[in-house]
Amino acid sequence: MGHLFYVELGSAAGNGSLHNANYNLFTNLTLDQYWSATPVATLANYSWQFNFLDGNQYVQLKTGAIRAMAVHPGDIGATVPVPAAGWLAGAAARARRRKH
């Protein structure tokens, strides 16, 4: 999430409201705390969280009520373009009709 905050969104430490145009691609991103999947090694009941308000990491009790974000490590690459996806669905439908 730090990479997203500092690099992809162009934010600055202490100022989550300073960002580039990529921020508009995230319609539900709020300047708030988000869970990470990283537990605190020395505190069994705590996990790390990232704060999009100020760009800092904090520890939080695992029972705390803060936001979560589904993430994928690295660049997942290009998605299937819509026309190709439509062709694929049409081909599957034609194949099913031939079997019956």
PDB file of N, CA and C in Angstrom:
ATOM      1  N   MET A   1       0.815  -1.176   0.000  1.00  0.00           N
ATOM      2  CA  MET A   1       0.000   0.000   0.000  1.00  0.00           C
ATOM      3  C   MET A   1       0.869   1.254   0.000  1.00  0.00           C
ATOM      4  N   GLY A   2       2.062   1.138   0.568  1.00  0.00           N
ATOM      5  CA  GLY A   2       2.981   2.262   0.528  1.00  0.00           C
ATOM      6  C   GLY A   2       3.355   2.626  -0.900  1.00  0.00           C
ATOM      7  N   HIS A   3       3.592   1.601  -1.737  1.00  0.00           N
ATOM      8  CA  HIS A   3       3.921   1.852  -3.145  1.00  0.00           C
ATOM      9  C   HIS A   3       2.757   2.554  -3.840  1.00  0.00           C
ATOM     10  N   LEU A   4       1.548   2.080  -3.579  1.00  0.00           N
ATOM     11  CA  LEU A   4       0.370   2.720  -4.155  1.00  0.00           C
ATOM     12  C   LEU A   4       0.281   4.182  -3.733  1.00  0.00           C
ATOM     13  N   PHE A   5       0.464   4.444  -2.445  1.00  0.00           N
ATOM     14  CA  PHE A   5       0.345   5.797  -1.899  1.00  0.00           C
ATOM     15  C   PHE A   5       1.406   6.737  -2.460  1.00  0.00           C
ATOM     16  N   TYR A   6       2.676   6.336  -2.367  1.00  0.00           N
ATOM     17  CA  TYR A   6       3.780   7.236  -2.719  1.00  0.00           C
ATOM     18  C   TYR A   6       4.107   7.279  -4.209  1.00  0.00           C
ATOM     19  N   VAL A   7       4.036   6.133  -4.888  1.00  0.00           N
ATOM     20  CA  VAL A   7       4.472   6.077  -6.288  1.00  0.00           C
ATOM     21  C   VAL A   7       3.293   6.226  -7.257  1.00  0.00           C
ATOM     22  N   GLU A   8       2.327   5.315  -7.155  1.00  0.00           N
ATOM     23  CA  GLU A   8       1.231   5.316  -8.120  1.00  0.00           C
ATOM     24  C   GLU A   8       0.306   6.522  -7.969  1.00  0.00           C
ATOM     25  N   LEU A   9       0.041   6.931  -6.723  1.00  0.00           N
ATOM     26  CA  LEU A   9      -0.853   8.068  -6.496  1.00  0.00           C
ATOM     27  C   LEU A   9      -0.102   9.382  -6.306  1.00  0.00           C
ATOM     28  N   GLY A  10       1.216   9.330  -6.193  1.00  0.00           N
ATOM     29  CA  GLY A  10       2.016  10.545  -6.077  1.00  0.00           C
ATOM     30  C   GLY A  10       1.793  11.333  -4.804  1.00  0.00           C
ATOM     31  N   SER A  11       1.371  10.662  -3.734  1.00  0.00           N
ATOM     32  CA  SER A  11       1.131  11.362  -2.472  1.00  0.00           C
ATOM     33  C   SER A  11       2.446  11.638  -1.753  1.00  0.00           C
ATOM     34  N   ALA A  12       2.383  12.470  -0.733  1.00  0.00           N
ATOM     35  CA  ALA A  12       3.565  12.831   0.036  1.00  0.00           C
ATOM     36  C   ALA A  12       3.333  12.499   1.504  1.00  0.00           C
ATOM     37  N   ALA A  13       4.408  12.176   2.208  1.00  0.00           N
ATOM     38  CA  ALA A  13       4.306  11.864   3.637  1.00  0.00           C
ATOM     39  C   ALA A  13       3.639  13.018   4.370  1.00  0.00           C
ATOM     40  N   GLY A  14       2.663  12.670   5.192  1.00  0.00           N
ATOM     41  CA  GLY A  14       1.966  13.684   5.965  1.00  0.00           C
ATOM     42  C   GLY A  14       0.847  14.391   5.227  1.00  0.00           C
ATOM     43  N   ASN A  15       0.639  14.044   3.925  1.00  0.00           N
ATOM     44  CA  ASN A  15      -0.372  14.764   3.150  1.00  0.00           C
ATOM     45  C   ASN A  15      -1.008  13.852   2.110  1.00  0.00           C
ATOM     46  N   GLY A  16      -1.994  13.072   2.526  1.00  0.00           N
ATOM     47  CA  GLY A  16      -2.687  12.180   1.602  1.00  0.00           C
ATOM     48  C   GLY A  16      -3.574  12.890   0.611  1.00  0.00           C
ATOM     49  N   SER A  17      -3.887  14.149   0.851  1.00  0.00           N
ATOM     50  CA  SER A  17      -4.746  14.875  -0.091  1.00  0.00           C
ATOM     51  C   SER A  17      -3.952  15.404  -1.288  1.00  0.00           C
ATOM     52  N   LEU A  18      -2.621  15.326  -1.237  1.00  0.00           N
ATOM     53  CA  LEU A  18      -1.770  15.689  -2.363  1.00  0.00           C
ATOM     54  C   LEU A  18      -1.552  14.425  -3.192  1.00  0.00           C
ATOM     55  N   HIS A  19      -2.063  14.388  -4.418  1.00  0.00           N
ATOM     56  CA  HIS A  19      -1.928  13.203  -5.252  1.00  0.00           C
ATOM     57  C   HIS A  19      -2.034  13.586  -6.724  1.00  0.00           C
ATOM     58  N   ASN A  20      -1.760  12.604  -7.587  1.00  0.00           N
ATOM     59  CA  ASN A  20      -1.820  12.851  -9.030  1.00  0.00           C
ATOM     60  C   ASN A  20      -3.164  12.360  -9.592  1.00  0.00           C
ATOM     61  N   ALA A  21      -3.292  12.381 -10.912  1.00  0.00           N
ATOM     62  CA  ALA A  21      -4.554  12.025 -11.569  1.00  0.00           C
ATOM     63  C   ALA A  21      -4.933  10.560 -11.374  1.00  0.00           C
ATOM     64  N   ASN A  22      -3.983   9.688 -11.043  1.00  0.00           N
ATOM     65  CA  ASN A  22      -4.298   8.274 -10.823  1.00  0.00           C
ATOM     66  C   ASN A  22      -5.276   8.078  -9.673  1.00  0.00           C
ATOM     67  N   TYR A  23      -5.313   9.016  -8.757  1.00  0.00           N
ATOM     68  CA  TYR A  23      -6.228   8.911  -7.610  1.00  0.00           C
ATOM     69  C   TYR A  23      -7.677   8.762  -8.070  1.00  0.00           C
ATOM     70  N   ASN A  24      -8.022   9.395  -9.187  1.00  0.00           N
ATOM     71  CA  ASN A  24      -9.393   9.347  -9.702  1.00  0.00           C
ATOM     72  C   ASN A  24      -9.785   7.952 -10.197  1.00  0.00           C
ATOM     73  N   LEU A  25      -8.798   7.060 -10.407  1.00  0.00           N
ATOM     74  CA  LEU A  25      -9.082   5.687 -10.823  1.00  0.00           C
ATOM     75  C   LEU A  25      -9.605   4.846  -9.661  1.00  0.00           C
ATOM     76  N   PHE A  26      -9.433   5.324  -8.449  1.00  0.00           N
ATOM     77  CA  PHE A  26      -9.847   4.595  -7.249  1.00  0.00           C
ATOM     78  C   PHE A  26     -11.075   5.295  -6.662  1.00  0.00           C
ATOM     79  N   THR A  27     -12.260   4.868  -7.066  1.00  0.00           N
ATOM     80  CA  THR A  27     -13.481   5.568  -6.689  1.00  0.00           C
ATOM     81  C   THR A  27     -13.863   5.401  -5.222  1.00  0.00           C
ATOM     82  N   ASN A  28     -13.411   4.338  -4.575  1.00  0.00           N
ATOM     83  CA  ASN A  28     -13.803   4.102  -3.187  1.00  0.00           C
ATOM     84  C   ASN A  28     -12.649   4.246  -2.197  1.00  0.00           C
ATOM     85  N   LEU A  29     -11.529   4.750  -2.627  1.00  0.00           N
ATOM     86  CA  LEU A  29     -10.389   4.931  -1.732  1.00  0.00           C
ATOM     87  C   LEU A  29     -10.624   6.149  -0.850  1.00  0.00           C
ATOM     88  N   THR A  30     -10.543   5.954   0.447  1.00  0.00           N
ATOM     89  CA  THR A  30     -10.727   7.066   1.377  1.00  0.00           C
ATOM     90  C   THR A  30      -9.421   7.342   2.108  1.00  0.00           C
ATOM     91  N   LEU A  31      -9.264   8.545   2.574  1.00  0.00           N
ATOM     92  CA  LEU A  31      -8.071   8.928   3.323  1.00  0.00           C
ATOM     93  C   LEU A  31      -8.253   8.424   4.754  1.00  0.00           C
ATOM     94  N   ASP A  32      -8.014   7.130   4.921  1.00  0.00           N
ATOM     95  CA  ASP A  32      -8.279   6.459   6.187  1.00  0.00           C
ATOM     96  C   ASP A  32      -7.291   5.305   6.366  1.00  0.00           C
ATOM     97  N   GLN A  33      -7.473   4.537   7.425  1.00  0.00           N
ATOM     98  CA  GLN A  33      -6.607   3.409   7.750  1.00  0.00           C
ATOM     99  C   GLN A  33      -7.093   2.149   7.035  1.00  0.00           C
ATOM    100  N   TYR A  34      -6.133   1.329   6.565  1.00  0.00           N
ATOM    101  CA  TYR A  34      -6.432   0.064   5.893  1.00  0.00           C
ATOM    102  C   TYR A  34      -5.553  -1.026   6.493  1.00  0.00           C
ATOM    103  N   TRP A  35      -6.137  -2.203   6.689  1.00  0.00           N
ATOM    104  CA  TRP A  35      -5.375  -3.348   7.190  1.00  0.00           C
ATOM    105  C   TRP A  35      -4.337  -3.788   6.177  1.00  0.00           C
ATOM    106  N   SER A  36      -3.222  -4.306   6.677  1.00  0.00           N
ATOM    107  CA  SER A  36      -2.300  -5.061   5.829  1.00  0.00           C
ATOM    108  C   SER A  36      -2.393  -6.508   6.299  1.00  0.00           C
ATOM    109  N   ALA A  37      -1.808  -7.407   5.576  1.00  0.00           N
ATOM    110  CA  ALA A  37      -1.830  -8.813   5.976  1.00  0.00           C
ATOM    111  C   ALA A  37      -0.619  -9.162   6.843  1.00  0.00           C
ATOM    112  N   THR A  38       0.125  -8.166   7.271  1.00  0.00           N
ATOM    113  CA  THR A  38       1.362  -8.403   8.017  1.00  0.00           C
ATOM    114  C   THR A  38       1.128  -8.315   9.515  1.00  0.00           C
ATOM    115  N   PRO A  39       1.260  -9.447  10.214  1.00  0.00           N
ATOM    116  CA  PRO A  39       1.123  -9.393  11.666  1.00  0.00           C
ATOM    117  C   PRO A  39       2.354  -8.746  12.295  1.00  0.00           C
ATOM    118  N   VAL A  40       2.192  -8.208  13.487  1.00  0.00           N
ATOM    119  CA  VAL A  40       3.324  -7.665  14.236  1.00  0.00           C
ATOM    120  C   VAL A  40       4.016  -8.854  14.905  1.00  0.00           C
ATOM    121  N   ALA A  41       5.278  -9.080  14.571  1.00  0.00           N
ATOM    122  CA  ALA A  41       5.990 -10.283  15.017  1.00  0.00           C
ATOM    123  C   ALA A  41       6.027 -10.427  16.533  1.00  0.00           C
ATOM    124  N   THR A  42       6.154  -9.331  17.241  1.00  0.00           N
ATOM    125  CA  THR A  42       6.300  -9.408  18.694  1.00  0.00           C
ATOM    126  C   THR A  42       4.986  -9.242  19.454  1.00  0.00           C
ATOM    127  N   LEU A  43       3.889  -8.961  18.734  1.00  0.00           N
ATOM    128  CA  LEU A  43       2.591  -8.746  19.380  1.00  0.00           C
ATOM    129  C   LEU A  43       1.530  -9.582  18.659  1.00  0.00           C
ATOM    130  N   ALA A  44       1.198 -10.728  19.209  1.00  0.00           N
ATOM    131  CA  ALA A  44       0.327 -11.697  18.538  1.00  0.00           C
ATOM    132  C   ALA A  44      -1.054 -11.133  18.197  1.00  0.00           C
ATOM    133  N   ASN A  45      -1.575 -10.212  18.957  1.00  0.00           N
ATOM    134  CA  ASN A  45      -2.924  -9.688  18.735  1.00  0.00           C
ATOM    135  C   ASN A  45      -2.958  -8.430  17.873  1.00  0.00           C
ATOM    136  N   TYR A  46      -1.832  -8.066  17.250  1.00  0.00           N
ATOM    137  CA  TYR A  46      -1.739  -6.839  16.466  1.00  0.00           C
ATOM    138  C   TYR A  46      -1.310  -7.134  15.032  1.00  0.00           C
ATOM    139  N   SER A  47      -1.756  -6.286  14.123  1.00  0.00           N
ATOM    140  CA  SER A  47      -1.308  -6.310  12.728  1.00  0.00           C
ATOM    141  C   SER A  47      -0.950  -4.891  12.308  1.00  0.00           C
ATOM    142  N   TRP A  48      -0.151  -4.805  11.244  1.00  0.00           N
ATOM    143  CA  TRP A  48       0.204  -3.502  10.698  1.00  0.00           C
ATOM    144  C   TRP A  48      -0.947  -2.969   9.870  1.00  0.00           C
ATOM    145  N   GLN A  49      -1.096  -1.671   9.875  1.00  0.00           N
ATOM    146  CA  GLN A  49      -2.060  -1.003   9.005  1.00  0.00           C
ATOM    147  C   GLN A  49      -1.382   0.184   8.353  1.00  0.00           C
ATOM    148  N   PHE A  50      -1.925   0.602   7.214  1.00  0.00           N
ATOM    149  CA  PHE A  50      -1.391   1.748   6.476  1.00  0.00           C
ATOM    150  C   PHE A  50      -2.447   2.841   6.477  1.00  0.00           C
ATOM    151  N   ASN A  51      -2.017   4.067   6.709  1.00  0.00           N
ATOM    152  CA  ASN A  51      -2.942   5.193   6.775  1.00  0.00           C
ATOM    153  C   ASN A  51      -2.792   6.053   5.522  1.00  0.00           C
ATOM    154  N   PHE A  52      -3.843   6.100   4.693  1.00  0.00           N
ATOM    155  CA  PHE A  52      -3.819   6.894   3.470  1.00  0.00           C
ATOM    156  C   PHE A  52      -4.013   8.387   3.739  1.00  0.00           C
ATOM    157  N   LEU A  53      -4.255   8.756   4.975  1.00  0.00           N
ATOM    158  CA  LEU A  53      -4.346  10.174   5.318  1.00  0.00           C
ATOM    159  C   LEU A  53      -2.964  10.811   5.403  1.00  0.00           C
ATOM    160  N   ASP A  54      -1.998  10.074   6.003  1.00  0.00           N
ATOM    161  CA  ASP A  54      -0.671  10.655   6.201  1.00  0.00           C
ATOM    162  C   ASP A  54       0.484   9.809   5.663  1.00  0.00           C
ATOM    163  N   GLY A  55       0.193   8.621   5.098  1.00  0.00           N
ATOM    164  CA  GLY A  55       1.236   7.785   4.515  1.00  0.00           C
ATOM    165  C   GLY A  55       2.073   7.019   5.523  1.00  0.00           C
ATOM    166  N   ASN A  56       1.624   6.926   6.750  1.00  0.00           N
ATOM    167  CA  ASN A  56       2.369   6.217   7.785  1.00  0.00           C
ATOM    168  C   ASN A  56       1.779   4.847   8.058  1.00  0.00           C
ATOM    169  N   GLN A  57       2.616   3.981   8.650  1.00  0.00           N
ATOM    170  CA  GLN A  57       2.174   2.672   9.106  1.00  0.00           C
ATOM    171  C   GLN A  57       2.049   2.695  10.613  1.00  0.00           C
ATOM    172  N   TYR A  58       1.056   1.988  11.114  1.00  0.00           N
ATOM    173  CA  TYR A  58       0.823   1.897  12.545  1.00  0.00           C
ATOM    174  C   TYR A  58       0.490   0.449  12.887  1.00  0.00           C
ATOM    175  N   VAL A  59       0.501   0.117  14.171  1.00  0.00           N
ATOM    176  CA  VAL A  59       0.006  -1.185  14.605  1.00  0.00           C
ATOM    177  C   VAL A  59      -1.392  -0.992  15.165  1.00  0.00           C
ATOM    178  N   GLN A  60      -2.208  -2.014  14.999  1.00  0.00           N
ATOM    179  CA  GLN A  60      -3.610  -1.940  15.421  1.00  0.00           C
ATOM    180  C   GLN A  60      -4.012  -3.308  15.953  1.00  0.00           C
ATOM    181  N   LEU A  61      -4.801  -3.343  17.018  1.00  0.00           N
ATOM    182  CA  LEU A  61      -5.368  -4.596  17.486  1.00  0.00           C
ATOM    183  C   LEU A  61      -6.122  -5.269  16.348  1.00  0.00           C
ATOM    184  N   LYS A  62      -6.002  -6.575  16.218  1.00  0.00           N
ATOM    185  CA  LYS A  62      -6.683  -7.292  15.139  1.00  0.00           C
ATOM    186  C   LYS A  62      -8.200  -7.202  15.251  1.00  0.00           C
ATOM    187  N   THR A  63      -8.704  -6.819  16.396  1.00  0.00           N
ATOM    188  CA  THR A  63     -10.149  -6.681  16.568  1.00  0.00           C
ATOM    189  C   THR A  63     -10.640  -5.288  16.199  1.00  0.00           C
ATOM    190  N   GLY A  64      -9.736  -4.398  15.820  1.00  0.00           N
ATOM    191  CA  GLY A  64     -10.114  -3.036  15.451  1.00  0.00           C
ATOM    192  C   GLY A  64     -10.950  -2.999  14.187  1.00  0.00           C
ATOM    193  N   ALA A  65     -11.827  -2.031  14.097  1.00  0.00           N
ATOM    194  CA  ALA A  65     -12.711  -1.893  12.937  1.00  0.00           C
ATOM    195  C   ALA A  65     -12.147  -0.834  11.991  1.00  0.00           C
ATOM    196  N   ILE A  66     -11.301  -1.278  11.060  1.00  0.00           N
ATOM    197  CA  ILE A  66     -10.779  -0.375  10.039  1.00  0.00           C
ATOM    198  C   ILE A  66     -10.987  -1.016   8.672  1.00  0.00           C
ATOM    199  N   ARG A  67     -10.682  -0.302   7.622  1.00  0.00           N
ATOM    200  CA  ARG A  67     -10.957  -0.739   6.253  1.00  0.00           C
ATOM    201  C   ARG A  67      -9.989  -1.828   5.786  1.00  0.00           C
ATOM    202  N   ALA A  68     -10.378  -2.515   4.731  1.00  0.00           N
ATOM    203  CA  ALA A  68      -9.532  -3.523   4.096  1.00  0.00           C
ATOM    204  C   ALA A  68      -9.542  -3.270   2.591  1.00  0.00           C
ATOM    205  N   MET A  69      -8.497  -3.728   1.924  1.00  0.00           N
ATOM    206  CA  MET A  69      -8.376  -3.539   0.480  1.00  0.00           C
ATOM    207  C   MET A  69      -7.808  -4.829  -0.106  1.00  0.00           C
ATOM    208  N   ALA A  70      -8.448  -5.350  -1.125  1.00  0.00           N
ATOM    209  CA  ALA A  70      -7.912  -6.520  -1.821  1.00  0.00           C
ATOM    210  C   ALA A  70      -6.792  -6.047  -2.734  1.00  0.00           C
ATOM    211  N   VAL A  71      -5.623  -6.638  -2.600  1.00  0.00           N
ATOM    212  CA  VAL A  71      -4.467  -6.226  -3.394  1.00  0.00           C
ATOM    213  C   VAL A  71      -3.817  -7.444  -4.027  1.00  0.00           C
ATOM    214  N   HIS A  72      -3.044  -7.206  -5.061  1.00  0.00           N
ATOM    215  CA  HIS A  72      -2.288  -8.239  -5.754  1.00  0.00           C
ATOM    216  C   HIS A  72      -0.854  -7.748  -5.847  1.00  0.00           C
ATOM    217  N   PRO A  73       0.116  -8.573  -5.484  1.00  0.00           N
ATOM    218  CA  PRO A  73       1.502  -8.099  -5.563  1.00  0.00           C
ATOM    219  C   PRO A  73       1.953  -7.886  -7.004  1.00  0.00           C
ATOM    220  N   GLY A  74       2.594  -6.770  -7.249  1.00  0.00           N
ATOM    221  CA  GLY A  74       3.153  -6.489  -8.564  1.00  0.00           C
ATOM    222  C   GLY A  74       2.124  -6.043  -9.584  1.00  0.00           C
ATOM    223  N   ASP A  75       2.571  -5.905 -10.815  1.00  0.00           N
ATOM    224  CA  ASP A  75       1.735  -5.478 -11.927  1.00  0.00           C
ATOM    225  C   ASP A  75       1.088  -6.719 -12.533  1.00  0.00           C
ATOM    226  N   ILE A  76      -0.224  -6.796 -12.529  1.00  0.00           N
ATOM    227  CA  ILE A  76      -0.892  -7.999 -13.025  1.00  0.00           C
ATOM    228  C   ILE A  76      -1.044  -8.002 -14.540  1.00  0.00           C
ATOM    229  N   GLY A  77      -0.645  -6.935 -15.201  1.00  0.00           N
ATOM    230  CA  GLY A  77      -0.666  -6.904 -16.655  1.00  0.00           C
ATOM    231  C   GLY A  77      -2.003  -6.487 -17.232  1.00  0.00           C
ATOM    232  N   ALA A  78      -2.112  -6.619 -18.527  1.00  0.00           N
ATOM    233  CA  ALA A  78      -3.297  -6.160 -19.251  1.00  0.00           C
ATOM    234  C   ALA A  78      -4.467  -7.115 -19.043  1.00  0.00           C
ATOM    235  N   THR A  79      -5.645  -6.574 -19.073  1.00  0.00           N
ATOM    236  CA  THR A  79      -6.857  -7.383 -19.005  1.00  0.00           C
ATOM    237  C   THR A  79      -7.315  -7.715 -20.415  1.00  0.00           C
ATOM    238  N   VAL A  80      -8.248  -8.635 -20.531  1.00  0.00           N
ATOM    239  CA  VAL A  80      -8.785  -8.998 -21.840  1.00  0.00           C
ATOM    240  C   VAL A  80      -9.656  -7.849 -22.330  1.00  0.00           C
ATOM    241  N   PRO A  81      -9.383  -7.322 -23.522  1.00  0.00           N
ATOM    242  CA  PRO A  81     -10.220  -6.238 -24.038  1.00  0.00           C
ATOM    243  C   PRO A  81     -11.661  -6.705 -24.205  1.00  0.00           C
ATOM    244  N   VAL A  82     -12.604  -5.805 -24.087  1.00  0.00           N
ATOM    245  CA  VAL A  82     -14.030  -6.143 -24.157  1.00  0.00           C
ATOM    246  C   VAL A  82     -14.391  -6.837 -25.465  1.00  0.00           C
ATOM    247  N   PRO A  83     -13.944  -6.363 -26.650  1.00  0.00           N
ATOM    248  CA  PRO A  83     -14.312  -7.084 -27.877  1.00  0.00           C
ATOM    249  C   PRO A  83     -13.844  -8.538 -27.866  1.00  0.00           C
ATOM    250  N   ALA A  84     -12.640  -8.789 -27.374  1.00  0.00           N
ATOM    251  CA  ALA A  84     -12.146 -10.167 -27.321  1.00  0.00           C
ATOM    252  C   ALA A  84     -12.950 -10.990 -26.325  1.00  0.00           C
ATOM    253  N   ALA A  85     -13.336 -10.390 -25.218  1.00  0.00           N
ATOM    254  CA  ALA A  85     -14.144 -11.100 -24.230  1.00  0.00           C
ATOM    255  C   ALA A  85     -15.500 -11.458 -24.826  1.00  0.00           C
ATOM    256  N   GLY A  86     -16.073 -10.552 -25.605  1.00  0.00           N
ATOM    257  CA  GLY A  86     -17.346 -10.825 -26.269  1.00  0.00           C
ATOM    258  C   GLY A  86     -17.232 -11.955 -27.271  1.00  0.00           C
ATOM    259  N   TRP A  87     -16.144 -11.981 -28.041  1.00  0.00           N
ATOM    260  CA  TRP A  87     -15.921 -13.058 -28.996  1.00  0.00           C
ATOM    261  C   TRP A  87     -15.803 -14.383 -28.268  1.00  0.00           C
ATOM    262  N   LEU A  88     -15.085 -14.395 -27.143  1.00  0.00           N
ATOM    263  CA  LEU A  88     -14.895 -15.616 -26.375  1.00  0.00           C
ATOM    264  C   LEU A  88     -16.233 -16.146 -25.865  1.00  0.00           C
ATOM    265  N   ALA A  89     -17.089 -15.278 -25.360  1.00  0.00           N
ATOM    266  CA  ALA A  89     -18.405 -15.697 -24.866  1.00  0.00           C
ATOM    267  C   ALA A  89     -19.254 -16.242 -26.015  1.00  0.00           C
ATOM    268  N   GLY A  90     -19.207 -15.585 -27.171  1.00  0.00           N
ATOM    269  CA  GLY A  90     -19.965 -16.049 -28.332  1.00  0.00           C
ATOM    270  C   GLY A  90     -19.485 -17.401 -28.825  1.00  0.00           C
ATOM    271  N   ALA A  91     -18.169 -17.611 -28.832  1.00  0.00           N
ATOM    272  CA  ALA A  91     -17.609 -18.892 -29.267  1.00  0.00           C
ATOM    273  C   ALA A  91     -18.030 -20.011 -28.325  1.00  0.00           C
ATOM    274  N   ALA A  92     -18.055 -19.727 -27.039  1.00  0.00           N
ATOM    275  CA  ALA A  92     -18.482 -20.731 -26.056  1.00  0.00           C
ATOM    276  C   ALA A  92     -19.945 -21.094 -26.262  1.00  0.00           C
ATOM    277  N   ALA A  93     -20.788 -20.118 -26.550  1.00  0.00           N
ATOM    278  CA  ALA A  93     -22.213 -20.374 -26.775  1.00  0.00           C
ATOM    279  C   ALA A  93     -22.414 -21.223 -28.028  1.00  0.00           C
ATOM    280  N   ARG A  94     -21.665 -20.913 -29.094  1.00  0.00           N
ATOM    281  CA  ARG A  94     -21.773 -21.703 -30.328  1.00  0.00           C
ATOM    282  C   ARG A  94     -21.314 -23.130 -30.090  1.00  0.00           C
ATOM    283  N   ALA A  95     -20.269 -23.334 -29.305  1.00  0.00           N
ATOM    284  CA  ALA A  95     -19.757 -24.682 -29.015  1.00  0.00           C
ATOM    285  C   ALA A  95     -20.788 -25.484 -28.239  1.00  0.00           C
ATOM    286  N   ARG A  96     -21.496 -24.841 -27.318  1.00  0.00           N
ATOM    287  CA  ARG A  96     -22.532 -25.553 -26.551  1.00  0.00           C
ATOM    288  C   ARG A  96     -23.685 -25.975 -27.455  1.00  0.00           C
ATOM    289  N   ARG A  97     -24.080 -25.122 -28.404  1.00  0.00           N
ATOM    290  CA  ARG A  97     -25.179 -25.459 -29.304  1.00  0.00           C
ATOM    291  C   ARG A  97     -24.814 -26.658 -30.179  1.00  0.00           C
ATOM    292  N   ARG A  98     -23.534 -26.755 -30.589  1.00  0.00           N
ATOM    293  CA  ARG A  98     -23.121 -27.860 -31.453  1.00  0.00           C
ATOM    294  C   ARG A  98     -23.178 -29.206 -30.717  1.00  0.00           C
ATOM    295  N   LYS A  99     -22.964 -29.184 -29.403  1.00  0.00           N
ATOM    296  CA  LYS A  99     -22.981 -30.434 -28.634  1.00  0.00           C
ATOM    297  C   LYS A  99     -24.388 -30.997 -28.517  1.00  0.00           C
ATOM    298  N   HIS A 100     -25.422 -30.170 -28.583  1.00  0.00           N
ATOM    299  CA  HIS A 100     -26.803 -30.622 -28.367  1.00  0.00           C
ATOM    300  C   HIS A 100     -27.457 -31.002 -29.631  1.00  0.00           C
TER     301      HIS A 100
END
